Amino acid sequence: MNLLRGRYPLAVAIGAIFGALSRFYGTELAKAIFGKDFGFYGTFTINVTGCLIIAYILTLATENLRIISPELRLMTTTGFCGAYTTFSTYGLESKGFLDKGDITTLLIYFVGSAIAGMIGIQIGVLLARASAQSS
């Protein structure tokens, strides 16, 4: 199987390193700014920006707006965004709000993440298309 050899796994691994580190530092920054009980702000921001980034890259690639090598596409989408976004943490934090009986924060966070994520997707598509047209 050619996908298991060569540049593709290396591209994913390199992207994952930067995605994981960006996730870590983004969450730590949110905790430093808002306090340790508000680390979920970092998760929220990471999920939304991850949606924007993946939509931007895949729109450029799939709509042939830019020539993007398979390695670069895999590095940024599967590698970086896969390690950067935190959907499993989002689920765990949502359960924590539910367990504490904090339904208001649960609903704002749970629904807000989904809506803001979709907005991030739309902005990523629009930015990709606009940047391709301007060059």
N, C-alpha and C. Protein backbone atom coordinates (compact mmCIF):
# COMPACT_ATOMS: atom_id res chain seq x y z
N MET A 1 0.85 -1.18 0.00
CA MET A 1 0.00 0.00 0.00
C MET A 1 0.89 1.24 0.00
N ASN A 2 0.79 2.04 -1.02
CA ASN A 2 1.67 3.20 -1.18
C ASN A 2 1.43 4.30 -0.15
N LEU A 3 0.22 4.37 0.40
CA LEU A 3 -0.06 5.42 1.39
C LEU A 3 0.73 5.22 2.68
N LEU A 4 1.19 4.01 2.93
CA LEU A 4 1.92 3.74 4.16
C LEU A 4 3.41 4.05 4.04
N ARG A 5 3.85 4.35 2.83
CA ARG A 5 5.27 4.63 2.60
C ARG A 5 5.43 6.04 2.04
N GLY A 6 6.63 6.51 2.14
CA GLY A 6 6.98 7.74 1.44
C GLY A 6 6.59 9.01 2.14
N ARG A 7 6.23 9.99 1.32
CA ARG A 7 6.04 11.35 1.81
C ARG A 7 4.70 11.59 2.50
N TYR A 8 3.66 10.83 2.19
CA TYR A 8 2.35 11.11 2.76
C TYR A 8 2.32 10.98 4.28
N PRO A 9 2.79 9.86 4.83
CA PRO A 9 2.78 9.76 6.30
C PRO A 9 3.68 10.82 6.96
N LEU A 10 4.78 11.12 6.33
CA LEU A 10 5.67 12.14 6.87
C LEU A 10 4.99 13.51 6.87
N ALA A 11 4.27 13.81 5.80
CA ALA A 11 3.55 15.08 5.72
C ALA A 11 2.50 15.18 6.81
N VAL A 12 1.75 14.10 7.03
CA VAL A 12 0.74 14.09 8.09
C VAL A 12 1.40 14.27 9.46
N ALA A 13 2.51 13.57 9.68
CA ALA A 13 3.20 13.65 10.97
C ALA A 13 3.72 15.06 11.24
N ILE A 14 4.30 15.68 10.25
CA ILE A 14 4.82 17.05 10.43
C ILE A 14 3.68 18.00 10.75
N GLY A 15 2.58 17.90 10.00
CA GLY A 15 1.43 18.75 10.28
C GLY A 15 0.86 18.51 11.67
N ALA A 16 0.85 17.25 12.08
CA ALA A 16 0.30 16.90 13.40
C ALA A 16 1.12 17.50 14.53
N ILE A 17 2.42 17.54 14.37
CA ILE A 17 3.27 18.15 15.40
C ILE A 17 2.86 19.61 15.62
N PHE A 18 2.74 20.35 14.52
CA PHE A 18 2.39 21.76 14.64
C PHE A 18 0.95 21.96 15.10
N GLY A 19 0.05 21.08 14.68
CA GLY A 19 -1.33 21.16 15.12
C GLY A 19 -1.47 20.92 16.60
N ALA A 20 -0.79 19.88 17.09
CA ALA A 20 -0.87 19.56 18.51
C ALA A 20 -0.27 20.66 19.37
N LEU A 21 0.87 21.19 18.93
CA LEU A 21 1.49 22.28 19.70
C LEU A 21 0.62 23.53 19.67
N SER A 22 0.01 23.83 18.54
CA SER A 22 -0.88 24.99 18.46
C SER A 22 -2.08 24.81 19.37
N ARG A 23 -2.61 23.60 19.41
CA ARG A 23 -3.74 23.32 20.31
C ARG A 23 -3.31 23.52 21.76
N PHE A 24 -2.19 22.96 22.12
CA PHE A 24 -1.69 23.07 23.50
C PHE A 24 -1.51 24.53 23.91
N TYR A 25 -0.79 25.29 23.08
CA TYR A 25 -0.51 26.68 23.44
C TYR A 25 -1.77 27.54 23.37
N GLY A 26 -2.68 27.24 22.46
CA GLY A 26 -3.94 27.98 22.39
C GLY A 26 -4.77 27.80 23.64
N THR A 27 -4.84 26.56 24.12
CA THR A 27 -5.59 26.28 25.34
C THR A 27 -4.92 26.92 26.56
N GLU A 28 -3.61 26.82 26.63
CA GLU A 28 -2.89 27.44 27.74
C GLU A 28 -3.05 28.96 27.74
N LEU A 29 -3.05 29.56 26.57
CA LEU A 29 -3.25 31.00 26.45
C LEU A 29 -4.64 31.39 26.96
N ALA A 30 -5.65 30.62 26.57
CA ALA A 30 -7.01 30.91 27.05
C ALA A 30 -7.09 30.80 28.56
N LYS A 31 -6.44 29.79 29.14
CA LYS A 31 -6.44 29.64 30.60
C LYS A 31 -5.72 30.81 31.26
N ALA A 32 -4.62 31.26 30.66
CA ALA A 32 -3.87 32.39 31.22
C ALA A 32 -4.69 33.68 31.17
N ILE A 33 -5.45 33.84 30.11
CA ILE A 33 -6.24 35.07 29.95
C ILE A 33 -7.52 35.02 30.79
N PHE A 34 -8.25 33.91 30.74
CA PHE A 34 -9.58 33.84 31.35
C PHE A 34 -9.64 33.08 32.67
N GLY A 35 -8.57 32.37 33.03
CA GLY A 35 -8.56 31.55 34.24
C GLY A 35 -8.72 30.08 33.90
N LYS A 36 -8.23 29.23 34.81
CA LYS A 36 -8.20 27.79 34.51
C LYS A 36 -9.58 27.18 34.35
N ASP A 37 -10.60 27.77 34.92
CA ASP A 37 -11.96 27.25 34.78
C ASP A 37 -12.57 27.59 33.42
N PHE A 38 -11.86 28.38 32.64
CA PHE A 38 -12.39 28.81 31.34
C PHE A 38 -11.52 28.35 30.19
N GLY A 39 -10.84 27.22 30.38
CA GLY A 39 -10.04 26.64 29.31
C GLY A 39 -10.87 26.25 28.11
N PHE A 40 -12.18 26.07 28.33
CA PHE A 40 -13.05 25.70 27.21
C PHE A 40 -13.15 26.83 26.18
N TYR A 41 -12.81 28.06 26.56
CA TYR A 41 -12.75 29.13 25.56
C TYR A 41 -11.69 28.81 24.51
N GLY A 42 -10.59 28.24 24.95
CA GLY A 42 -9.54 27.83 24.02
C GLY A 42 -10.04 26.74 23.10
N THR A 43 -10.73 25.74 23.66
CA THR A 43 -11.28 24.65 22.84
C THR A 43 -12.24 25.21 21.80
N PHE A 44 -13.11 26.11 22.23
CA PHE A 44 -14.08 26.73 21.34
C PHE A 44 -13.36 27.44 20.19
N THR A 45 -12.39 28.26 20.52
CA THR A 45 -11.65 29.02 19.50
C THR A 45 -10.90 28.09 18.56
N ILE A 46 -10.29 27.06 19.11
CA ILE A 46 -9.55 26.10 18.29
C ILE A 46 -10.49 25.36 17.34
N ASN A 47 -11.65 24.94 17.81
CA ASN A 47 -12.60 24.26 16.93
C ASN A 47 -13.05 25.15 15.79
N VAL A 48 -13.36 26.39 16.09
CA VAL A 48 -13.84 27.32 15.06
C VAL A 48 -12.72 27.63 14.05
N THR A 49 -11.53 27.95 14.54
CA THR A 49 -10.44 28.26 13.60
C THR A 49 -10.01 27.02 12.83
N GLY A 50 -10.11 25.85 13.44
CA GLY A 50 -9.82 24.61 12.71
C GLY A 50 -10.80 24.40 11.57
N CYS A 51 -12.07 24.71 11.79
CA CYS A 51 -13.07 24.62 10.71
C CYS A 51 -12.72 25.59 9.59
N LEU A 52 -12.33 26.80 9.96
CA LEU A 52 -11.97 27.80 8.95
C LEU A 52 -10.77 27.33 8.13
N ILE A 53 -9.75 26.84 8.79
CA ILE A 53 -8.51 26.43 8.11
C ILE A 53 -8.77 25.27 7.16
N ILE A 54 -9.49 24.24 7.64
CA ILE A 54 -9.71 23.07 6.79
C ILE A 54 -10.58 23.41 5.59
N ALA A 55 -11.57 24.28 5.80
CA ALA A 55 -12.42 24.69 4.67
C ALA A 55 -11.62 25.51 3.66
N TYR A 56 -10.76 26.38 4.15
CA TYR A 56 -9.94 27.21 3.27
C TYR A 56 -9.05 26.34 2.39
N ILE A 57 -8.31 25.43 3.00
CA ILE A 57 -7.37 24.59 2.26
C ILE A 57 -8.10 23.68 1.28
N LEU A 58 -9.16 23.02 1.74
CA LEU A 58 -9.86 22.09 0.86
C LEU A 58 -10.60 22.80 -0.26
N THR A 59 -11.08 24.00 -0.01
CA THR A 59 -11.72 24.76 -1.09
C THR A 59 -10.69 25.13 -2.15
N LEU A 60 -9.53 25.60 -1.72
CA LEU A 60 -8.47 25.91 -2.69
C LEU A 60 -8.13 24.67 -3.52
N ALA A 61 -8.02 23.53 -2.86
CA ALA A 61 -7.59 22.31 -3.55
C ALA A 61 -8.69 21.71 -4.42
N THR A 62 -9.89 21.56 -3.89
CA THR A 62 -10.94 20.85 -4.62
C THR A 62 -11.57 21.68 -5.73
N GLU A 63 -11.55 22.99 -5.59
CA GLU A 63 -12.11 23.84 -6.64
C GLU A 63 -11.03 24.33 -7.60
N ASN A 64 -9.84 23.74 -7.47
CA ASN A 64 -8.71 24.07 -8.34
C ASN A 64 -8.42 25.57 -8.38
N LEU A 65 -8.57 26.22 -7.23
CA LEU A 65 -8.27 27.64 -7.13
C LEU A 65 -6.77 27.86 -6.97
N ARG A 66 -6.10 26.88 -6.42
CA ARG A 66 -4.64 26.88 -6.28
C ARG A 66 -4.17 25.44 -6.46
N ILE A 67 -2.97 25.32 -6.99
CA ILE A 67 -2.37 24.00 -7.08
C ILE A 67 -1.76 23.69 -5.72
N ILE A 68 -2.27 22.67 -5.07
CA ILE A 68 -1.77 22.27 -3.77
C ILE A 68 -1.37 20.80 -3.88
N SER A 69 -0.13 20.53 -3.56
CA SER A 69 0.36 19.16 -3.66
C SER A 69 -0.39 18.27 -2.67
N PRO A 70 -0.50 16.98 -2.99
CA PRO A 70 -1.16 16.07 -2.04
C PRO A 70 -0.48 16.08 -0.67
N GLU A 71 0.84 16.23 -0.66
CA GLU A 71 1.55 16.26 0.61
C GLU A 71 1.18 17.48 1.45
N LEU A 72 1.10 18.64 0.81
CA LEU A 72 0.73 19.86 1.53
C LEU A 72 -0.72 19.78 2.01
N ARG A 73 -1.59 19.26 1.18
CA ARG A 73 -2.99 19.10 1.58
C ARG A 73 -3.09 18.18 2.79
N LEU A 74 -2.40 17.04 2.75
CA LEU A 74 -2.43 16.11 3.88
C LEU A 74 -1.79 16.72 5.12
N MET A 75 -0.72 17.47 4.93
CA MET A 75 -0.04 18.10 6.07
C MET A 75 -0.97 19.07 6.79
N THR A 76 -1.69 19.88 6.02
CA THR A 76 -2.52 20.91 6.63
C THR A 76 -3.87 20.38 7.11
N THR A 77 -4.50 19.48 6.36
CA THR A 77 -5.84 19.02 6.75
C THR A 77 -5.78 17.85 7.73
N THR A 78 -5.27 16.72 7.28
CA THR A 78 -5.21 15.54 8.14
C THR A 78 -4.23 15.74 9.29
N GLY A 79 -3.05 16.26 8.99
CA GLY A 79 -2.03 16.44 10.02
C GLY A 79 -2.34 17.57 10.97
N PHE A 80 -2.26 18.81 10.47
CA PHE A 80 -2.43 19.97 11.35
C PHE A 80 -3.84 20.02 11.94
N CYS A 81 -4.86 20.06 11.08
CA CYS A 81 -6.22 20.21 11.60
C CYS A 81 -6.66 19.01 12.42
N GLY A 82 -6.21 17.81 12.03
CA GLY A 82 -6.56 16.62 12.80
C GLY A 82 -6.03 16.66 14.22
N ALA A 83 -4.83 17.17 14.38
CA ALA A 83 -4.25 17.27 15.72
C ALA A 83 -4.68 18.55 16.43
N TYR A 84 -5.02 19.56 15.68
CA TYR A 84 -5.35 20.88 16.24
C TYR A 84 -6.77 20.94 16.78
N THR A 85 -7.73 20.43 16.05
CA THR A 85 -9.11 20.54 16.50
C THR A 85 -9.36 19.58 17.66
N THR A 86 -10.34 19.89 18.43
CA THR A 86 -10.49 19.24 19.71
C THR A 86 -11.93 18.78 19.95
N PHE A 87 -12.49 18.12 18.97
CA PHE A 87 -13.90 17.75 19.10
C PHE A 87 -14.13 16.78 20.27
N SER A 88 -13.20 15.89 20.51
CA SER A 88 -13.38 14.97 21.64
C SER A 88 -13.34 15.73 22.96
N THR A 89 -12.49 16.72 23.06
CA THR A 89 -12.44 17.55 24.26
C THR A 89 -13.73 18.35 24.40
N TYR A 90 -14.25 18.82 23.28
CA TYR A 90 -15.52 19.54 23.25
C TYR A 90 -16.63 18.67 23.86
N GLY A 91 -16.67 17.41 23.47
CA GLY A 91 -17.67 16.50 24.02
C GLY A 91 -17.48 16.28 25.52
N LEU A 92 -16.24 16.10 25.93
CA LEU A 92 -15.94 15.89 27.34
C LEU A 92 -16.29 17.12 28.18
N GLU A 93 -15.93 18.31 27.68
CA GLU A 93 -16.26 19.54 28.41
C GLU A 93 -17.78 19.76 28.47
N SER A 94 -18.48 19.42 27.39
CA SER A 94 -19.94 19.53 27.40
C SER A 94 -20.55 18.62 28.46
N LYS A 95 -20.04 17.39 28.55
CA LYS A 95 -20.52 16.47 29.58
C LYS A 95 -20.25 17.02 30.97
N GLY A 96 -19.10 17.67 31.15
CA GLY A 96 -18.78 18.27 32.44
C GLY A 96 -19.81 19.32 32.85
N PHE A 97 -20.21 20.15 31.89
CA PHE A 97 -21.24 21.16 32.19
C PHE A 97 -22.57 20.47 32.56
N LEU A 98 -22.88 19.41 31.82
CA LEU A 98 -24.11 18.66 32.10
C LEU A 98 -24.05 18.02 33.48
N ASP A 99 -22.93 17.41 33.82
CA ASP A 99 -22.76 16.78 35.13
C ASP A 99 -22.88 17.78 36.27
N LYS A 100 -22.41 19.02 36.04
CA LYS A 100 -22.50 20.07 37.07
C LYS A 100 -23.88 20.71 37.11
N GLY A 101 -24.73 20.36 36.14
CA GLY A 101 -26.05 20.97 36.08
C GLY A 101 -26.03 22.37 35.51
N ASP A 102 -24.93 22.75 34.86
CA ASP A 102 -24.80 24.08 34.27
C ASP A 102 -25.34 24.05 32.84
N ILE A 103 -26.65 23.98 32.75
CA ILE A 103 -27.32 23.81 31.46
C ILE A 103 -27.15 25.04 30.57
N THR A 104 -27.14 26.22 31.16
CA THR A 104 -26.98 27.44 30.37
C THR A 104 -25.64 27.45 29.63
N THR A 105 -24.56 27.20 30.38
CA THR A 105 -23.24 27.17 29.74
C THR A 105 -23.16 26.02 28.75
N LEU A 106 -23.74 24.86 29.09
CA LEU A 106 -23.75 23.72 28.18
C LEU A 106 -24.39 24.09 26.85
N LEU A 107 -25.54 24.70 26.89
CA LEU A 107 -26.25 25.04 25.65
C LEU A 107 -25.51 26.10 24.84
N ILE A 108 -25.02 27.11 25.52
CA ILE A 108 -24.27 28.17 24.81
C ILE A 108 -23.04 27.57 24.16
N TYR A 109 -22.30 26.77 24.91
CA TYR A 109 -21.05 26.17 24.41
C TYR A 109 -21.33 25.14 23.32
N PHE A 110 -22.25 24.23 23.57
CA PHE A 110 -22.53 23.14 22.64
C PHE A 110 -23.10 23.66 21.33
N VAL A 111 -24.13 24.46 21.40
CA VAL A 111 -24.76 25.01 20.19
C VAL A 111 -23.88 26.08 19.57
N GLY A 112 -23.28 26.93 20.41
CA GLY A 112 -22.42 28.00 19.89
C GLY A 112 -21.23 27.45 19.12
N SER A 113 -20.64 26.36 19.59
CA SER A 113 -19.51 25.75 18.86
C SER A 113 -19.94 25.26 17.49
N ALA A 114 -21.09 24.62 17.43
CA ALA A 114 -21.58 24.11 16.15
C ALA A 114 -21.87 25.25 15.17
N ILE A 115 -22.55 26.26 15.65
CA ILE A 115 -22.90 27.40 14.79
C ILE A 115 -21.64 28.16 14.37
N ALA A 116 -20.78 28.47 15.32
CA ALA A 116 -19.56 29.20 14.99
C ALA A 116 -18.64 28.37 14.09
N GLY A 117 -18.63 27.05 14.28
CA GLY A 117 -17.86 26.17 13.39
C GLY A 117 -18.35 26.25 11.96
N MET A 118 -19.65 26.25 11.78
CA MET A 118 -20.22 26.37 10.43
C MET A 118 -19.91 27.75 9.83
N ILE A 119 -19.94 28.77 10.66
CA ILE A 119 -19.56 30.11 10.19
C ILE A 119 -18.09 30.10 9.77
N GLY A 120 -17.24 29.45 10.57
CA GLY A 120 -15.82 29.32 10.22
C GLY A 120 -15.63 28.61 8.89
N ILE A 121 -16.42 27.56 8.65
CA ILE A 121 -16.36 26.84 7.37
C ILE A 121 -16.71 27.79 6.23
N GLN A 122 -17.79 28.54 6.37
CA GLN A 122 -18.21 29.46 5.31
C GLN A 122 -17.17 30.54 5.06
N ILE A 123 -16.61 31.10 6.12
CA ILE A 123 -15.58 32.13 5.96
C ILE A 123 -14.35 31.55 5.28
N GLY A 124 -13.95 30.33 5.65
CA GLY A 124 -12.81 29.69 5.01
C GLY A 124 -13.02 29.50 3.52
N VAL A 125 -14.21 29.08 3.12
CA VAL A 125 -14.53 28.92 1.69
C VAL A 125 -14.47 30.27 0.99
N LEU A 126 -15.09 31.28 1.58
CA LEU A 126 -15.10 32.62 0.96
C LEU A 126 -13.70 33.20 0.85
N LEU A 127 -12.89 33.05 1.90
CA LEU A 127 -11.51 33.56 1.86
C LEU A 127 -10.69 32.86 0.78
N ALA A 128 -10.87 31.54 0.67
CA ALA A 128 -10.12 30.80 -0.35
C ALA A 128 -10.48 31.29 -1.75
N ARG A 129 -11.76 31.44 -1.98
CA ARG A 129 -12.22 31.89 -3.30
C ARG A 129 -11.76 33.31 -3.58
N ALA A 130 -11.85 34.18 -2.58
CA ALA A 130 -11.43 35.58 -2.77
C ALA A 130 -9.94 35.70 -3.00
N SER A 131 -9.14 34.92 -2.26
CA SER A 131 -7.70 35.00 -2.44
C SER A 131 -7.27 34.45 -3.79
N ALA A 132 -8.00 33.48 -4.30
CA ALA A 132 -7.67 32.91 -5.61
C ALA A 132 -8.00 33.90 -6.72
N GLN A 133 -9.06 34.66 -6.54
CA GLN A 133 -9.48 35.62 -7.56
C GLN A 133 -8.58 36.86 -7.58
N SER A 134 -8.00 37.18 -6.43
CA SER A 134 -7.20 38.40 -6.36
C SER A 134 -5.79 38.23 -6.89
N SER A 135 -5.39 37.00 -7.15
CA SER A 135 -4.01 36.82 -7.65
C SER A 135 -3.99 36.40 -9.09
